[in-house]
Amino acid sequence: MPEWVKVAEASGFPAGRPVQVEVDGEPLCLARIDDDFLATTDICSHAYVELSDGELLGDEIECPLHGSKFSMRTGEVRNPPATQPIDIYDVKVEGDHVLVWSEPRKGSAGN
């Protein structure tokens, strides 16, 4: 059954740098962008590479292997060679706890 899962402490979380967290055994890429926390699947849709090892450029995460870029807000592909979007996850902050909903929302192709 889907639930909110605590993955980090907001006060110590680095801004502008992706971090791998785990929810129900799934690796996720979590990033703090300004005052927002955003989470996506941690695996690139083009090749099996951890996106959390990539670079955060605004609200986009860049795959460290081939340079594909994805919106962390929608999951949409912003730069090839990837052609398929990535899943995104709902995130909320309660007090100092960063919580991620354990069920993904499918990435959009521009919605």
N, C-alpha and C. Protein backbone atom coordinates (compact mmCIF):
# COMPACT_ATOMS: atom_id res chain seq x y z
N MET A 1 0.84 -1.18 0.00
CA MET A 1 0.00 0.00 0.00
C MET A 1 0.89 1.25 0.00
N PRO A 2 0.64 2.21 -0.89
CA PRO A 2 1.46 3.43 -0.95
C PRO A 2 1.40 4.21 0.37
N GLU A 3 2.51 4.85 0.68
CA GLU A 3 2.60 5.65 1.91
C GLU A 3 3.69 6.70 1.77
N TRP A 4 3.68 7.67 2.69
CA TRP A 4 4.75 8.66 2.76
C TRP A 4 5.93 8.04 3.51
N VAL A 5 7.13 8.19 2.94
CA VAL A 5 8.34 7.61 3.52
C VAL A 5 9.34 8.72 3.79
N LYS A 6 9.84 8.77 5.03
CA LYS A 6 10.87 9.75 5.38
C LYS A 6 12.18 9.35 4.73
N VAL A 7 12.79 10.31 3.98
CA VAL A 7 14.03 10.00 3.26
C VAL A 7 15.20 10.90 3.65
N ALA A 8 14.91 12.04 4.29
CA ALA A 8 16.00 12.97 4.61
C ALA A 8 15.54 14.01 5.63
N GLU A 9 16.50 14.75 6.14
CA GLU A 9 16.24 15.89 7.00
C GLU A 9 16.41 17.15 6.14
N ALA A 10 15.44 18.01 6.15
CA ALA A 10 15.47 19.21 5.31
C ALA A 10 16.61 20.15 5.69
N SER A 11 16.86 20.31 6.98
CA SER A 11 17.85 21.30 7.43
C SER A 11 19.27 20.99 6.97
N GLY A 12 19.62 19.74 6.82
CA GLY A 12 20.97 19.39 6.42
C GLY A 12 21.10 19.00 4.96
N PHE A 13 20.01 19.14 4.21
CA PHE A 13 20.04 18.68 2.83
C PHE A 13 20.73 19.70 1.94
N PRO A 14 21.68 19.26 1.10
CA PRO A 14 22.41 20.22 0.26
C PRO A 14 21.53 20.78 -0.86
N ALA A 15 21.59 22.06 -1.07
CA ALA A 15 20.85 22.69 -2.17
C ALA A 15 21.65 22.56 -3.46
N GLY A 16 20.93 22.31 -4.57
CA GLY A 16 21.56 22.30 -5.87
C GLY A 16 22.40 21.09 -6.20
N ARG A 17 22.26 20.03 -5.40
CA ARG A 17 23.03 18.81 -5.66
C ARG A 17 22.13 17.59 -5.52
N PRO A 18 22.07 16.72 -6.52
CA PRO A 18 21.23 15.53 -6.41
C PRO A 18 21.81 14.52 -5.42
N VAL A 19 20.91 13.82 -4.73
CA VAL A 19 21.31 12.83 -3.74
C VAL A 19 20.45 11.58 -3.96
N GLN A 20 21.06 10.42 -3.88
CA GLN A 20 20.29 9.19 -3.99
C GLN A 20 19.67 8.86 -2.63
N VAL A 21 18.37 8.56 -2.64
CA VAL A 21 17.66 8.07 -1.46
C VAL A 21 16.95 6.79 -1.89
N GLU A 22 16.42 6.07 -0.94
CA GLU A 22 15.74 4.82 -1.27
C GLU A 22 14.35 4.79 -0.65
N VAL A 23 13.38 4.36 -1.45
CA VAL A 23 12.00 4.20 -0.99
C VAL A 23 11.55 2.80 -1.40
N ASP A 24 11.23 1.99 -0.43
CA ASP A 24 10.79 0.61 -0.68
C ASP A 24 11.74 -0.14 -1.60
N GLY A 25 13.04 0.03 -1.40
CA GLY A 25 14.04 -0.67 -2.19
C GLY A 25 14.34 -0.07 -3.54
N GLU A 26 13.65 1.02 -3.90
CA GLU A 26 13.87 1.68 -5.19
C GLU A 26 14.78 2.89 -5.01
N PRO A 27 15.84 3.00 -5.81
CA PRO A 27 16.68 4.19 -5.72
C PRO A 27 15.98 5.38 -6.39
N LEU A 28 15.95 6.50 -5.68
CA LEU A 28 15.37 7.73 -6.20
C LEU A 28 16.42 8.82 -6.18
N CYS A 29 16.24 9.80 -7.06
CA CYS A 29 17.09 10.97 -7.11
C CYS A 29 16.30 12.11 -6.46
N LEU A 30 16.83 12.64 -5.37
CA LEU A 30 16.18 13.72 -4.63
C LEU A 30 17.04 14.97 -4.74
N ALA A 31 16.41 16.11 -5.01
CA ALA A 31 17.15 17.36 -5.12
C ALA A 31 16.36 18.49 -4.47
N ARG A 32 17.11 19.43 -3.92
CA ARG A 32 16.53 20.65 -3.37
C ARG A 32 16.82 21.77 -4.35
N ILE A 33 15.75 22.33 -4.90
CA ILE A 33 15.88 23.42 -5.86
C ILE A 33 15.15 24.61 -5.27
N ASP A 34 15.91 25.61 -4.87
CA ASP A 34 15.35 26.75 -4.13
C ASP A 34 14.66 26.20 -2.89
N ASP A 35 13.37 26.42 -2.73
CA ASP A 35 12.65 25.92 -1.56
C ASP A 35 11.90 24.63 -1.84
N ASP A 36 12.04 24.06 -3.04
CA ASP A 36 11.32 22.85 -3.42
C ASP A 36 12.22 21.63 -3.32
N PHE A 37 11.62 20.53 -2.87
CA PHE A 37 12.27 19.24 -2.95
C PHE A 37 11.59 18.48 -4.07
N LEU A 38 12.38 17.90 -4.98
CA LEU A 38 11.86 17.16 -6.12
C LEU A 38 12.50 15.79 -6.16
N ALA A 39 11.70 14.78 -6.56
CA ALA A 39 12.22 13.41 -6.61
C ALA A 39 11.81 12.74 -7.92
N THR A 40 12.74 11.99 -8.48
CA THR A 40 12.50 11.21 -9.68
C THR A 40 13.09 9.81 -9.46
N THR A 41 12.79 8.91 -10.38
CA THR A 41 13.51 7.65 -10.37
C THR A 41 14.99 8.00 -10.54
N ASP A 42 15.87 7.17 -10.00
CA ASP A 42 17.29 7.49 -10.09
C ASP A 42 17.94 6.89 -11.33
N ILE A 43 17.19 6.15 -12.12
CA ILE A 43 17.76 5.46 -13.28
C ILE A 43 17.34 6.15 -14.57
N CYS A 44 18.31 6.48 -15.39
CA CYS A 44 18.06 7.13 -16.68
C CYS A 44 17.23 6.19 -17.57
N SER A 45 16.32 6.76 -18.34
CA SER A 45 15.47 5.94 -19.22
C SER A 45 16.22 5.50 -20.48
N HIS A 46 17.40 6.03 -20.72
CA HIS A 46 18.18 5.67 -21.91
C HIS A 46 19.15 4.52 -21.64
N ALA A 47 19.81 4.56 -20.50
CA ALA A 47 20.78 3.54 -20.13
C ALA A 47 20.76 3.41 -18.61
N TYR A 48 21.15 2.25 -18.11
CA TYR A 48 21.10 2.02 -16.67
C TYR A 48 22.25 2.78 -15.99
N VAL A 49 21.95 4.04 -15.64
CA VAL A 49 22.91 4.93 -15.00
C VAL A 49 22.17 5.69 -13.92
N GLU A 50 22.82 5.90 -12.78
CA GLU A 50 22.20 6.63 -11.68
C GLU A 50 22.24 8.13 -11.95
N LEU A 51 21.07 8.72 -12.03
CA LEU A 51 20.98 10.16 -12.29
C LEU A 51 21.54 10.99 -11.13
N SER A 52 21.50 10.45 -9.92
CA SER A 52 22.03 11.19 -8.77
C SER A 52 23.53 11.42 -8.88
N ASP A 53 24.21 10.72 -9.79
CA ASP A 53 25.63 10.97 -10.04
C ASP A 53 25.81 12.08 -11.07
N GLY A 54 24.71 12.59 -11.61
CA GLY A 54 24.76 13.63 -12.63
C GLY A 54 24.75 15.02 -12.03
N GLU A 55 24.58 15.98 -12.91
CA GLU A 55 24.61 17.39 -12.51
C GLU A 55 23.20 17.97 -12.55
N LEU A 56 22.91 18.81 -11.56
CA LEU A 56 21.64 19.51 -11.51
C LEU A 56 21.83 20.87 -12.17
N LEU A 57 21.01 21.14 -13.18
CA LEU A 57 21.09 22.39 -13.93
C LEU A 57 19.72 23.05 -13.86
N GLY A 58 19.55 23.98 -12.92
CA GLY A 58 18.22 24.54 -12.69
C GLY A 58 17.33 23.44 -12.15
N ASP A 59 16.19 23.19 -12.85
CA ASP A 59 15.31 22.09 -12.42
C ASP A 59 15.47 20.86 -13.30
N GLU A 60 16.62 20.76 -13.98
CA GLU A 60 16.90 19.60 -14.82
C GLU A 60 18.03 18.78 -14.22
N ILE A 61 17.91 17.47 -14.38
CA ILE A 61 18.99 16.57 -13.98
C ILE A 61 19.62 16.03 -15.26
N GLU A 62 20.95 16.08 -15.32
CA GLU A 62 21.68 15.62 -16.50
C GLU A 62 22.31 14.26 -16.21
N CYS A 63 22.06 13.30 -17.08
CA CYS A 63 22.65 11.98 -16.95
C CYS A 63 24.17 12.08 -17.13
N PRO A 64 24.93 11.47 -16.22
CA PRO A 64 26.39 11.59 -16.32
C PRO A 64 27.01 10.77 -17.44
N LEU A 65 26.27 9.85 -18.06
CA LEU A 65 26.87 9.00 -19.08
C LEU A 65 26.77 9.58 -20.48
N HIS A 66 25.56 9.91 -20.92
CA HIS A 66 25.37 10.39 -22.29
C HIS A 66 24.82 11.81 -22.39
N GLY A 67 24.55 12.46 -21.26
CA GLY A 67 24.13 13.86 -21.29
C GLY A 67 22.64 14.10 -21.47
N SER A 68 21.82 13.04 -21.42
CA SER A 68 20.38 13.28 -21.48
C SER A 68 19.98 14.16 -20.30
N LYS A 69 18.99 15.02 -20.53
CA LYS A 69 18.49 15.88 -19.46
C LYS A 69 17.00 15.64 -19.29
N PHE A 70 16.57 15.69 -18.03
CA PHE A 70 15.17 15.47 -17.69
C PHE A 70 14.70 16.58 -16.75
N SER A 71 13.44 16.98 -16.91
CA SER A 71 12.83 17.90 -15.95
C SER A 71 12.56 17.13 -14.66
N MET A 72 13.01 17.66 -13.55
CA MET A 72 12.72 17.02 -12.27
C MET A 72 11.30 17.31 -11.83
N ARG A 73 10.65 18.28 -12.46
CA ARG A 73 9.26 18.62 -12.11
C ARG A 73 8.25 17.75 -12.86
N THR A 74 8.54 17.39 -14.11
CA THR A 74 7.57 16.65 -14.92
C THR A 74 8.08 15.29 -15.38
N GLY A 75 9.39 15.08 -15.36
CA GLY A 75 9.98 13.85 -15.86
C GLY A 75 10.25 13.87 -17.36
N GLU A 76 9.83 14.93 -18.04
CA GLU A 76 9.98 14.96 -19.50
C GLU A 76 11.45 15.07 -19.91
N VAL A 77 11.73 14.48 -21.08
CA VAL A 77 13.07 14.55 -21.65
C VAL A 77 13.29 15.95 -22.19
N ARG A 78 14.41 16.56 -21.83
CA ARG A 78 14.75 17.89 -22.32
C ARG A 78 15.93 17.87 -23.28
N ASN A 79 16.65 16.74 -23.32
CA ASN A 79 17.82 16.63 -24.19
C ASN A 79 18.06 15.15 -24.48
N PRO A 80 18.22 14.78 -25.77
CA PRO A 80 18.51 13.39 -26.11
C PRO A 80 19.93 13.01 -25.65
N PRO A 81 20.27 11.74 -25.69
CA PRO A 81 19.68 10.70 -26.50
C PRO A 81 18.44 10.03 -25.89
N ALA A 82 18.11 10.26 -24.63
CA ALA A 82 16.90 9.65 -24.07
C ALA A 82 15.68 10.14 -24.84
N THR A 83 14.71 9.24 -25.00
CA THR A 83 13.46 9.61 -25.66
C THR A 83 12.25 9.35 -24.76
N GLN A 84 12.43 8.58 -23.69
CA GLN A 84 11.35 8.26 -22.78
C GLN A 84 11.47 9.07 -21.49
N PRO A 85 10.35 9.60 -20.98
CA PRO A 85 10.40 10.35 -19.73
C PRO A 85 10.72 9.43 -18.55
N ILE A 86 11.06 10.03 -17.43
CA ILE A 86 11.31 9.29 -16.19
C ILE A 86 10.15 9.54 -15.23
N ASP A 87 9.97 8.62 -14.29
CA ASP A 87 8.92 8.77 -13.29
C ASP A 87 9.32 9.83 -12.27
N ILE A 88 8.31 10.53 -11.77
CA ILE A 88 8.51 11.51 -10.71
C ILE A 88 7.71 11.08 -9.49
N TYR A 89 8.07 11.62 -8.34
CA TYR A 89 7.45 11.26 -7.07
C TYR A 89 7.00 12.52 -6.35
N ASP A 90 5.88 12.43 -5.66
CA ASP A 90 5.43 13.54 -4.83
C ASP A 90 6.31 13.63 -3.60
N VAL A 91 6.62 14.87 -3.20
CA VAL A 91 7.47 15.12 -2.04
C VAL A 91 6.80 16.18 -1.18
N LYS A 92 6.91 16.01 0.14
CA LYS A 92 6.44 17.05 1.06
C LYS A 92 7.42 17.14 2.22
N VAL A 93 7.37 18.29 2.89
CA VAL A 93 8.20 18.51 4.07
C VAL A 93 7.28 18.72 5.26
N GLU A 94 7.51 17.96 6.31
CA GLU A 94 6.78 18.11 7.56
C GLU A 94 7.80 18.37 8.65
N GLY A 95 7.78 19.58 9.20
CA GLY A 95 8.81 19.93 10.16
C GLY A 95 10.15 19.93 9.46
N ASP A 96 11.05 19.08 9.92
CA ASP A 96 12.37 18.96 9.28
C ASP A 96 12.49 17.67 8.46
N HIS A 97 11.38 16.94 8.32
CA HIS A 97 11.41 15.67 7.62
C HIS A 97 10.99 15.83 6.16
N VAL A 98 11.81 15.29 5.25
CA VAL A 98 11.46 15.23 3.83
C VAL A 98 10.84 13.87 3.59
N LEU A 99 9.60 13.87 3.08
CA LEU A 99 8.86 12.64 2.84
C LEU A 99 8.55 12.49 1.36
N VAL A 100 8.66 11.26 0.87
CA VAL A 100 8.37 10.96 -0.54
C VAL A 100 7.24 9.93 -0.58
N TRP A 101 6.26 10.16 -1.46
CA TRP A 101 5.17 9.19 -1.66
C TRP A 101 5.77 7.98 -2.36
N SER A 102 5.47 6.79 -1.86
CA SER A 102 6.14 5.58 -2.32
C SER A 102 5.69 5.10 -3.70
N GLU A 103 4.70 5.71 -4.27
CA GLU A 103 4.23 5.31 -5.60
C GLU A 103 4.53 6.42 -6.61
N PRO A 104 5.18 6.11 -7.73
CA PRO A 104 5.54 7.16 -8.68
C PRO A 104 4.35 7.65 -9.49
N ARG A 105 4.52 8.85 -10.01
CA ARG A 105 3.63 9.35 -11.06
C ARG A 105 4.43 9.18 -12.34
N LYS A 106 3.79 8.72 -13.39
CA LYS A 106 4.50 8.52 -14.64
C LYS A 106 4.94 9.88 -15.19
N GLY A 107 6.17 9.92 -15.69
CA GLY A 107 6.69 11.13 -16.31
C GLY A 107 5.87 11.47 -17.53
N SER A 108 5.79 12.75 -17.83
CA SER A 108 4.98 13.19 -18.98
C SER A 108 5.88 13.48 -20.16
N ALA A 109 5.29 13.49 -21.31
CA ALA A 109 6.03 13.84 -22.52
C ALA A 109 5.77 15.30 -22.85
N GLY A 110 5.65 16.13 -21.83
CA GLY A 110 5.45 17.55 -22.04
C GLY A 110 4.19 18.09 -21.40
N ASN A 111 3.50 17.28 -20.62
CA ASN A 111 2.27 17.73 -19.94
C ASN A 111 2.60 18.44 -18.66
